[in-house]
C-alpha cells in the first residue's frame, strides 16, 4: 500500500503539532494533499478509472473545505500551510 502507518506519522509529525496529532486542520490538509498527488499520478496512466476520478474529486472538495475553514479562522496558519505544500487556489 502506498500510505503506510509510518508515512502517516511522518506527515503528521511534519505538518501537525506532534506525530499523534491527527485532528489539526494542517495535518489533515497535508494528508489529503499526499493522497491527491498519488491519485493524480494513478489517473495519468489509467484514464478510464472513473471510480478513482470520483474519489479524487471528493477528496479535493474535502481539502478545499478544510482550507476555507482555516482561512476563515486563522489566516496566518492558512498562508503557512499553502506555502509549505505549494497549493494554489
PDB file of N, CA and C in Angstrom:
ATOM      1  N   UNK A   1       0.828  -1.178   0.000  1.00  0.00           N
ATOM      2  CA  UNK A   1       0.000   0.000   0.000  1.00  0.00           C
ATOM      3  C   UNK A   1       0.880   1.252   0.000  1.00  0.00           C
ATOM      4  N   UNK A   2       0.429   2.270  -0.652  1.00  0.00           N
ATOM      5  CA  UNK A   2       1.237   3.474  -0.813  1.00  0.00           C
ATOM      6  C   UNK A   2       1.292   4.335   0.447  1.00  0.00           C
ATOM      7  N   UNK A   3       0.313   4.212   1.333  1.00  0.00           N
ATOM      8  CA  UNK A   3       0.254   5.049   2.520  1.00  0.00           C
ATOM      9  C   UNK A   3       0.329   4.163   3.764  1.00  0.00           C
ATOM     10  N   UNK A   4       1.530   3.995   4.270  1.00  0.00           N
ATOM     11  CA  UNK A   4       1.743   3.152   5.435  1.00  0.00           C
ATOM     12  C   UNK A   4       1.572   3.979   6.713  1.00  0.00           C
ATOM     13  N   UNK A   5       1.528   3.295   7.833  1.00  0.00           N
ATOM     14  CA  UNK A   5       1.398   3.978   9.118  1.00  0.00           C
ATOM     15  C   UNK A   5       2.608   4.870   9.381  1.00  0.00           C
ATOM     16  N   UNK A   6       3.782   4.422   8.954  1.00  0.00           N
ATOM     17  CA  UNK A   6       4.987   5.225   9.144  1.00  0.00           C
ATOM     18  C   UNK A   6       4.924   6.516   8.329  1.00  0.00           C
ATOM     19  N   UNK A   7       4.409   6.412   7.111  1.00  0.00           N
ATOM     20  CA  UNK A   7       4.291   7.600   6.257  1.00  0.00           C
ATOM     21  C   UNK A   7       3.299   8.590   6.856  1.00  0.00           C
ATOM     22  N   UNK A   8       2.184   8.073   7.400  1.00  0.00           N
ATOM     23  CA  UNK A   8       1.208   8.946   8.044  1.00  0.00           C
ATOM     24  C   UNK A   8       1.829   9.665   9.239  1.00  0.00           C
ATOM     25  N   UNK A   9       2.579   8.922  10.060  1.00  0.00           N
ATOM     26  CA  UNK A   9       3.217   9.541  11.210  1.00  0.00           C
ATOM     27  C   UNK A   9       4.209  10.611  10.776  1.00  0.00           C
ATOM     28  N   UNK A  10       4.907  10.358   9.687  1.00  0.00           N
ATOM     29  CA  UNK A  10       5.857  11.347   9.169  1.00  0.00           C
ATOM     30  C   UNK A  10       5.127  12.625   8.735  1.00  0.00           C
ATOM     31  N   UNK A  11       4.004  12.455   8.039  1.00  0.00           N
ATOM     32  CA  UNK A  11       3.217  13.606   7.584  1.00  0.00           C
ATOM     33  C   UNK A  11       2.673  14.374   8.782  1.00  0.00           C
ATOM     34  N   UNK A  12       2.109  13.647   9.760  1.00  0.00           N
ATOM     35  CA  UNK A  12       1.550  14.302  10.936  1.00  0.00           C
ATOM     36  C   UNK A  12       2.646  14.983  11.753  1.00  0.00           C
ATOM     37  N   UNK A  13       3.816  14.362  11.828  1.00  0.00           N
ATOM     38  CA  UNK A  13       4.918  14.966  12.563  1.00  0.00           C
ATOM     39  C   UNK A  13       5.432  16.226  11.900  1.00  0.00           C
ATOM     40  N   UNK A  14       5.425  16.242  10.579  1.00  0.00           N
ATOM     41  CA  UNK A  14       5.948  17.390   9.849  1.00  0.00           C
ATOM     42  C   UNK A  14       4.969  18.564   9.840  1.00  0.00           C
ATOM     43  N   UNK A  15       3.684  18.285   9.641  1.00  0.00           N
ATOM     44  CA  UNK A  15       2.711  19.367   9.478  1.00  0.00           C
ATOM     45  C   UNK A  15       1.815  19.580  10.688  1.00  0.00           C
ATOM     46  N   UNK A  16       1.669  18.574  11.550  1.00  0.00           N
ATOM     47  CA  UNK A  16       0.842  18.718  12.740  1.00  0.00           C
ATOM     48  C   UNK A  16       1.664  19.211  13.914  1.00  0.00           C
ATOM     49  N   UNK A  17       1.037  19.179  15.071  1.00  0.00           N
ATOM     50  CA  UNK A  17       1.740  19.625  16.275  1.00  0.00           C
ATOM     51  C   UNK A  17       2.647  18.530  16.822  1.00  0.00           C
ATOM     52  N   UNK A  18       2.277  17.266  16.593  1.00  0.00           N
ATOM     53  CA  UNK A  18       3.092  16.127  17.015  1.00  0.00           C
ATOM     54  C   UNK A  18       2.799  14.958  16.080  1.00  0.00           C
ATOM     55  N   UNK A  19       3.479  13.826  16.314  1.00  0.00           N
ATOM     56  CA  UNK A  19       3.266  12.657  15.448  1.00  0.00           C
ATOM     57  C   UNK A  19       1.888  12.050  15.625  1.00  0.00           C
ATOM     58  N   UNK A  20       1.272  12.284  16.785  1.00  0.00           N
ATOM     59  CA  UNK A  20      -0.058  11.717  17.035  1.00  0.00           C
ATOM     60  C   UNK A  20      -1.166  12.731  16.804  1.00  0.00           C
ATOM     61  N   UNK A  21      -0.830  13.915  16.320  1.00  0.00           N
ATOM     62  CA  UNK A  21      -1.818  14.962  16.059  1.00  0.00           C
ATOM     63  C   UNK A  21      -2.480  14.700  14.713  1.00  0.00           C
ATOM     64  N   UNK A  22      -3.595  13.985  14.745  1.00  0.00           N
ATOM     65  CA  UNK A  22      -4.281  13.650  13.504  1.00  0.00           C
ATOM     66  C   UNK A  22      -5.471  14.555  13.250  1.00  0.00           C
ATOM     67  N   UNK A  23      -5.821  15.405  14.197  1.00  0.00           N
ATOM     68  CA  UNK A  23      -7.040  16.180  14.079  1.00  0.00           C
ATOM     69  C   UNK A  23      -6.863  17.604  13.630  1.00  0.00           C
ATOM     70  N   UNK A  24      -5.655  18.141  13.672  1.00  0.00           N
ATOM     71  CA  UNK A  24      -5.494  19.546  13.281  1.00  0.00           C
ATOM     72  C   UNK A  24      -5.736  19.700  11.785  1.00  0.00           C
ATOM     73  N   UNK A  25      -6.192  20.868  11.425  1.00  0.00           N
ATOM     74  CA  UNK A  25      -6.520  21.127  10.022  1.00  0.00           C
ATOM     75  C   UNK A  25      -5.286  20.993   9.137  1.00  0.00           C
ATOM     76  N   UNK A  26      -4.128  21.455   9.620  1.00  0.00           N
ATOM     77  CA  UNK A  26      -2.909  21.372   8.820  1.00  0.00           C
ATOM     78  C   UNK A  26      -2.529  19.925   8.528  1.00  0.00           C
ATOM     79  N   UNK A  27      -2.629  19.062   9.537  1.00  0.00           N
ATOM     80  CA  UNK A  27      -2.282  17.655   9.351  1.00  0.00           C
ATOM     81  C   UNK A  27      -3.228  16.987   8.364  1.00  0.00           C
ATOM     82  N   UNK A  28      -4.517  17.286   8.473  1.00  0.00           N
ATOM     83  CA  UNK A  28      -5.484  16.686   7.558  1.00  0.00           C
ATOM     84  C   UNK A  28      -5.282  17.186   6.135  1.00  0.00           C
ATOM     85  N   UNK A  29      -5.006  18.475   5.986  1.00  0.00           N
ATOM     86  CA  UNK A  29      -4.765  19.042   4.654  1.00  0.00           C
ATOM     87  C   UNK A  29      -3.532  18.404   4.026  1.00  0.00           C
ATOM     88  N   UNK A  30      -2.487  18.213   4.819  1.00  0.00           N
ATOM     89  CA  UNK A  30      -1.260  17.601   4.305  1.00  0.00           C
ATOM     90  C   UNK A  30      -1.512  16.158   3.880  1.00  0.00           C
ATOM     91  N   UNK A  31      -2.300  15.418   4.671  1.00  0.00           N
ATOM     92  CA  UNK A  31      -2.611  14.034   4.323  1.00  0.00           C
ATOM     93  C   UNK A  31      -3.451  13.969   3.050  1.00  0.00           C
ATOM     94  N   UNK A  32      -4.455  14.850   2.945  1.00  0.00           N
ATOM     95  CA  UNK A  32      -5.262  14.890   1.722  1.00  0.00           C
ATOM     96  C   UNK A  32      -4.398  15.247   0.521  1.00  0.00           C
ATOM     97  N   UNK A  33      -3.454  16.171   0.689  1.00  0.00           N
ATOM     98  CA  UNK A  33      -2.579  16.562  -0.422  1.00  0.00           C
ATOM     99  C   UNK A  33      -1.721  15.397  -0.886  1.00  0.00           C
ATOM    100  N   UNK A  34      -1.196  14.618   0.062  1.00  0.00           N
ATOM    101  CA  UNK A  34      -0.404  13.447  -0.297  1.00  0.00           C
ATOM    102  C   UNK A  34      -1.243  12.446  -1.087  1.00  0.00           C
ATOM    103  N   UNK A  35      -2.463  12.190  -0.605  1.00  0.00           N
ATOM    104  CA  UNK A  35      -3.335  11.234  -1.286  1.00  0.00           C
ATOM    105  C   UNK A  35      -3.770  11.750  -2.655  1.00  0.00           C
ATOM    106  N   UNK A  36      -4.034  13.060  -2.767  1.00  0.00           N
ATOM    107  CA  UNK A  36      -4.436  13.665  -4.038  1.00  0.00           C
ATOM    108  C   UNK A  36      -3.307  13.538  -5.056  1.00  0.00           C
ATOM    109  N   UNK A  37      -2.083  13.795  -4.633  1.00  0.00           N
ATOM    110  CA  UNK A  37      -0.945  13.668  -5.546  1.00  0.00           C
ATOM    111  C   UNK A  37      -0.775  12.235  -6.025  1.00  0.00           C
ATOM    112  N   UNK A  38      -0.984  11.272  -5.130  1.00  0.00           N
ATOM    113  CA  UNK A  38      -0.868   9.869  -5.515  1.00  0.00           C
ATOM    114  C   UNK A  38      -1.957   9.489  -6.530  1.00  0.00           C
ATOM    115  N   UNK A  39      -3.196   9.889  -6.273  1.00  0.00           N
ATOM    116  CA  UNK A  39      -4.288   9.549  -7.181  1.00  0.00           C
ATOM    117  C   UNK A  39      -4.145  10.263  -8.525  1.00  0.00           C
ATOM    118  N   UNK A  40      -3.596  11.454  -8.518  1.00  0.00           N
ATOM    119  CA  UNK A  40      -3.383  12.173  -9.770  1.00  0.00           C
ATOM    120  C   UNK A  40      -2.393  11.412 -10.659  1.00  0.00           C
ATOM    121  N   UNK A  41      -1.339  10.916 -10.043  1.00  0.00           N
ATOM    122  CA  UNK A  41      -0.376  10.108 -10.801  1.00  0.00           C
ATOM    123  C   UNK A  41      -0.999   8.830 -11.328  1.00  0.00           C
ATOM    124  N   UNK A  42      -1.855   8.208 -10.524  1.00  0.00           N
ATOM    125  CA  UNK A  42      -2.538   6.985 -10.953  1.00  0.00           C
ATOM    126  C   UNK A  42      -3.452   7.265 -12.151  1.00  0.00           C
ATOM    127  N   UNK A  43      -4.152   8.392 -12.112  1.00  0.00           N
ATOM    128  CA  UNK A  43      -5.089   8.706 -13.186  1.00  0.00           C
ATOM    129  C   UNK A  43      -4.397   9.097 -14.486  1.00  0.00           C
ATOM    130  N   UNK A  44      -3.148   9.539 -14.402  1.00  0.00           N
ATOM    131  CA  UNK A  44      -2.422   9.861 -15.631  1.00  0.00           C
ATOM    132  C   UNK A  44      -2.176   8.612 -16.464  1.00  0.00           C
ATOM    133  N   UNK A  45      -1.981   7.483 -15.791  1.00  0.00           N
ATOM    134  CA  UNK A  45      -1.742   6.246 -16.533  1.00  0.00           C
ATOM    135  C   UNK A  45      -3.003   5.410 -16.715  1.00  0.00           C
ATOM    136  N   UNK A  46      -4.050   5.696 -15.962  1.00  0.00           N
ATOM    137  CA  UNK A  46      -5.311   4.950 -16.058  1.00  0.00           C
ATOM    138  C   UNK A  46      -6.454   5.930 -16.282  1.00  0.00           C
ATOM    139  N   UNK A  47      -6.577   6.402 -17.506  1.00  0.00           N
ATOM    140  CA  UNK A  47      -7.503   7.481 -17.808  1.00  0.00           C
ATOM    141  C   UNK A  47      -8.971   7.102 -17.634  1.00  0.00           C
ATOM    142  N   UNK A  48      -9.306   5.842 -17.751  1.00  0.00           N
ATOM    143  CA  UNK A  48     -10.706   5.437 -17.685  1.00  0.00           C
ATOM    144  C   UNK A  48     -11.131   4.896 -16.329  1.00  0.00           C
ATOM    145  N   UNK A  49     -10.334   5.137 -15.315  1.00  0.00           N
ATOM    146  CA  UNK A  49     -10.656   4.697 -13.961  1.00  0.00           C
ATOM    147  C   UNK A  49     -11.561   5.746 -13.316  1.00  0.00           C
ATOM    148  N   UNK A  50     -12.857   5.634 -13.593  1.00  0.00           N
ATOM    149  CA  UNK A  50     -13.790   6.674 -13.192  1.00  0.00           C
ATOM    150  C   UNK A  50     -14.090   6.656 -11.697  1.00  0.00           C
ATOM    151  N   UNK A  51     -14.009   5.507 -11.058  1.00  0.00           N
ATOM    152  CA  UNK A  51     -14.261   5.468  -9.617  1.00  0.00           C
ATOM    153  C   UNK A  51     -13.143   6.190  -8.859  1.00  0.00           C
ATOM    154  N   UNK A  52     -11.917   6.048  -9.320  1.00  0.00           N
ATOM    155  CA  UNK A  52     -10.807   6.773  -8.709  1.00  0.00           C
ATOM    156  C   UNK A  52     -10.927   8.262  -8.996  1.00  0.00           C
ATOM    157  N   UNK A  53     -11.394   8.602 -10.179  1.00  0.00           N
ATOM    158  CA  UNK A  53     -11.578  10.008 -10.526  1.00  0.00           C
ATOM    159  C   UNK A  53     -12.617  10.654  -9.613  1.00  0.00           C
ATOM    160  N   UNK A  54     -13.687   9.925  -9.335  1.00  0.00           N
ATOM    161  CA  UNK A  54     -14.726  10.434  -8.439  1.00  0.00           C
ATOM    162  C   UNK A  54     -14.172  10.607  -7.024  1.00  0.00           C
ATOM    163  N   UNK A  55     -13.410   9.630  -6.563  1.00  0.00           N
ATOM    164  CA  UNK A  55     -12.805   9.723  -5.230  1.00  0.00           C
ATOM    165  C   UNK A  55     -11.863  10.919  -5.153  1.00  0.00           C
ATOM    166  N   UNK A  56     -11.130  11.179  -6.221  1.00  0.00           N
ATOM    167  CA  UNK A  56     -10.216  12.318  -6.261  1.00  0.00           C
ATOM    168  C   UNK A  56     -10.977  13.633  -6.154  1.00  0.00           C
ATOM    169  N   UNK A  57     -12.072  13.753  -6.876  1.00  0.00           N
ATOM    170  CA  UNK A  57     -12.869  14.981  -6.837  1.00  0.00           C
ATOM    171  C   UNK A  57     -13.448  15.200  -5.431  1.00  0.00           C
ATOM    172  N   UNK A  58     -13.906  14.125  -4.796  1.00  0.00           N
ATOM    173  CA  UNK A  58     -14.433  14.232  -3.431  1.00  0.00           C
ATOM    174  C   UNK A  58     -13.331  14.681  -2.469  1.00  0.00           C
ATOM    175  N   UNK A  59     -12.138  14.105  -2.623  1.00  0.00           N
ATOM    176  CA  UNK A  59     -11.018  14.447  -1.753  1.00  0.00           C
ATOM    177  C   UNK A  59     -10.582  15.900  -1.924  1.00  0.00           C
ATOM    178  N   UNK A  60     -10.562  16.375  -3.153  1.00  0.00           N
ATOM    179  CA  UNK A  60     -10.208  17.770  -3.409  1.00  0.00           C
ATOM    180  C   UNK A  60     -11.232  18.692  -2.750  1.00  0.00           C
ATOM    181  N   UNK A  61     -12.507  18.310  -2.792  1.00  0.00           N
ATOM    182  CA  UNK A  61     -13.548  19.098  -2.128  1.00  0.00           C
ATOM    183  C   UNK A  61     -13.372  19.139  -0.626  1.00  0.00           C
ATOM    184  N   UNK A  62     -13.021  18.010  -0.029  1.00  0.00           N
ATOM    185  CA  UNK A  62     -12.785  17.967   1.416  1.00  0.00           C
ATOM    186  C   UNK A  62     -11.613  18.865   1.799  1.00  0.00           C
ATOM    187  N   UNK A  63     -10.535  18.782   1.010  1.00  0.00           N
ATOM    188  CA  UNK A  63      -9.373  19.620   1.295  1.00  0.00           C
ATOM    189  C   UNK A  63      -9.732  21.096   1.146  1.00  0.00           C
ATOM    190  N   UNK A  64     -10.526  21.423   0.131  1.00  0.00           N
ATOM    191  CA  UNK A  64     -10.933  22.811  -0.083  1.00  0.00           C
ATOM    192  C   UNK A  64     -11.752  23.329   1.098  1.00  0.00           C
ATOM    193  N   UNK A  65     -12.660  22.497   1.627  1.00  0.00           N
ATOM    194  CA  UNK A  65     -13.463  22.905   2.777  1.00  0.00           C
ATOM    195  C   UNK A  65     -12.585  23.132   4.013  1.00  0.00           C
ATOM    196  N   UNK A  66     -11.598  22.264   4.213  1.00  0.00           N
ATOM    197  CA  UNK A  66     -10.675  22.460   5.328  1.00  0.00           C
ATOM    198  C   UNK A  66      -9.865  23.744   5.159  1.00  0.00           C
ATOM    199  N   UNK A  67      -9.423  24.011   3.941  1.00  0.00           N
ATOM    200  CA  UNK A  67      -8.674  25.242   3.684  1.00  0.00           C
ATOM    201  C   UNK A  67      -9.549  26.475   3.915  1.00  0.00           C
ATOM    202  N   UNK A  68     -10.810  26.405   3.504  1.00  0.00           N
ATOM    203  CA  UNK A  68     -11.714  27.531   3.746  1.00  0.00           C
ATOM    204  C   UNK A  68     -11.935  27.749   5.238  1.00  0.00           C
ATOM    205  N   UNK A  69     -12.076  26.667   5.985  1.00  0.00           N
ATOM    206  CA  UNK A  69     -12.219  26.764   7.438  1.00  0.00           C
ATOM    207  C   UNK A  69     -11.000  27.442   8.053  1.00  0.00           C
ATOM    208  N   UNK A  70      -9.830  27.003   7.628  1.00  0.00           N
ATOM    209  CA  UNK A  70      -8.597  27.559   8.165  1.00  0.00           C
ATOM    210  C   UNK A  70      -8.450  29.033   7.789  1.00  0.00           C
ATOM    211  N   UNK A  71      -8.831  29.382   6.568  1.00  0.00           N
ATOM    212  CA  UNK A  71      -8.737  30.770   6.114  1.00  0.00           C
ATOM    213  C   UNK A  71      -9.674  31.672   6.917  1.00  0.00           C
ATOM    214  N   UNK A  72     -10.858  31.177   7.228  1.00  0.00           N
ATOM    215  CA  UNK A  72     -11.820  31.982   7.985  1.00  0.00           C
ATOM    216  C   UNK A  72     -11.407  32.157   9.438  1.00  0.00           C
ATOM    217  N   UNK A  73     -10.758  31.145  10.033  1.00  0.00           N
ATOM    218  CA  UNK A  73     -10.449  31.194  11.458  1.00  0.00           C
ATOM    219  C   UNK A  73      -9.048  31.701  11.782  1.00  0.00           C
ATOM    220  N   UNK A  74      -8.060  31.379  10.962  1.00  0.00           N
ATOM    221  CA  UNK A  74      -6.691  31.807  11.255  1.00  0.00           C
ATOM    222  C   UNK A  74      -5.923  31.956   9.944  1.00  0.00           C
ATOM    223  N   UNK A  75      -5.884  33.171   9.430  1.00  0.00           N
ATOM    224  CA  UNK A  75      -5.305  33.424   8.114  1.00  0.00           C
ATOM    225  C   UNK A  75      -3.809  33.132   8.079  1.00  0.00           C
ATOM    226  N   UNK A  76      -3.108  33.302   9.197  1.00  0.00           N
ATOM    227  CA  UNK A  76      -1.663  33.048   9.216  1.00  0.00           C
ATOM    228  C   UNK A  76      -1.367  31.547   9.059  1.00  0.00           C
ATOM    229  N   UNK A  77      -2.127  30.701   9.748  1.00  0.00           N
ATOM    230  CA  UNK A  77      -1.953  29.249   9.594  1.00  0.00           C
ATOM    231  C   UNK A  77      -2.293  28.821   8.168  1.00  0.00           C
ATOM    232  N   UNK A  78      -3.323  29.451   7.580  1.00  0.00           N
ATOM    233  CA  UNK A  78      -3.718  29.161   6.202  1.00  0.00           C
ATOM    234  C   UNK A  78      -2.583  29.491   5.239  1.00  0.00           C
ATOM    235  N   UNK A  79      -2.016  30.669   5.374  1.00  0.00           N
ATOM    236  CA  UNK A  79      -0.931  31.079   4.483  1.00  0.00           C
ATOM    237  C   UNK A  79       0.293  30.190   4.646  1.00  0.00           C
ATOM    238  N   UNK A  80       0.562  29.776   5.897  1.00  0.00           N
ATOM    239  CA  UNK A  80       1.725  28.921   6.146  1.00  0.00           C
ATOM    240  C   UNK A  80       1.565  27.551   5.480  1.00  0.00           C
ATOM    241  N   UNK A  81       0.401  26.938   5.595  1.00  0.00           N
ATOM    242  CA  UNK A  81       0.208  25.597   5.031  1.00  0.00           C
ATOM    243  C   UNK A  81       0.165  25.662   3.501  1.00  0.00           C
ATOM    244  N   UNK A  82      -0.410  26.724   2.948  1.00  0.00           N
ATOM    245  CA  UNK A  82      -0.428  26.902   1.489  1.00  0.00           C
ATOM    246  C   UNK A  82       1.001  26.999   0.959  1.00  0.00           C
ATOM    247  N   UNK A  83       1.825  27.766   1.663  1.00  0.00           N
ATOM    248  CA  UNK A  83       3.212  27.957   1.232  1.00  0.00           C
ATOM    249  C   UNK A  83       4.012  26.669   1.348  1.00  0.00           C
ATOM    250  N   UNK A  84       3.830  25.940   2.468  1.00  0.00           N
ATOM    251  CA  UNK A  84       4.591  24.704   2.683  1.00  0.00           C
ATOM    252  C   UNK A  84       4.240  23.635   1.655  1.00  0.00           C
ATOM    253  N   UNK A  85       2.956  23.486   1.354  1.00  0.00           N
ATOM    254  CA  UNK A  85       2.527  22.425   0.447  1.00  0.00           C
ATOM    255  C   UNK A  85       2.561  22.832  -1.012  1.00  0.00           C
ATOM    256  N   UNK A  86       2.660  24.124  -1.272  1.00  0.00           N
ATOM    257  CA  UNK A  86       2.697  24.581  -2.665  1.00  0.00           C
ATOM    258  C   UNK A  86       1.351  24.470  -3.349  1.00  0.00           C
ATOM    259  N   UNK A  87       0.277  24.658  -2.590  1.00  0.00           N
ATOM    260  CA  UNK A  87      -1.072  24.584  -3.141  1.00  0.00           C
ATOM    261  C   UNK A  87      -1.427  25.962  -3.691  1.00  0.00           C
ATOM    262  N   UNK A  88      -2.099  25.987  -4.806  1.00  0.00           N
ATOM    263  CA  UNK A  88      -2.571  27.259  -5.339  1.00  0.00           C
ATOM    264  C   UNK A  88      -4.082  27.254  -5.345  1.00  0.00           C
ATOM    265  N   UNK A  89      -4.661  28.394  -5.171  1.00  0.00           N
ATOM    266  CA  UNK A  89      -6.123  28.477  -5.117  1.00  0.00           C
ATOM    267  C   UNK A  89      -6.699  28.563  -6.498  1.00  0.00           C
TER     268      UNK A  89
END
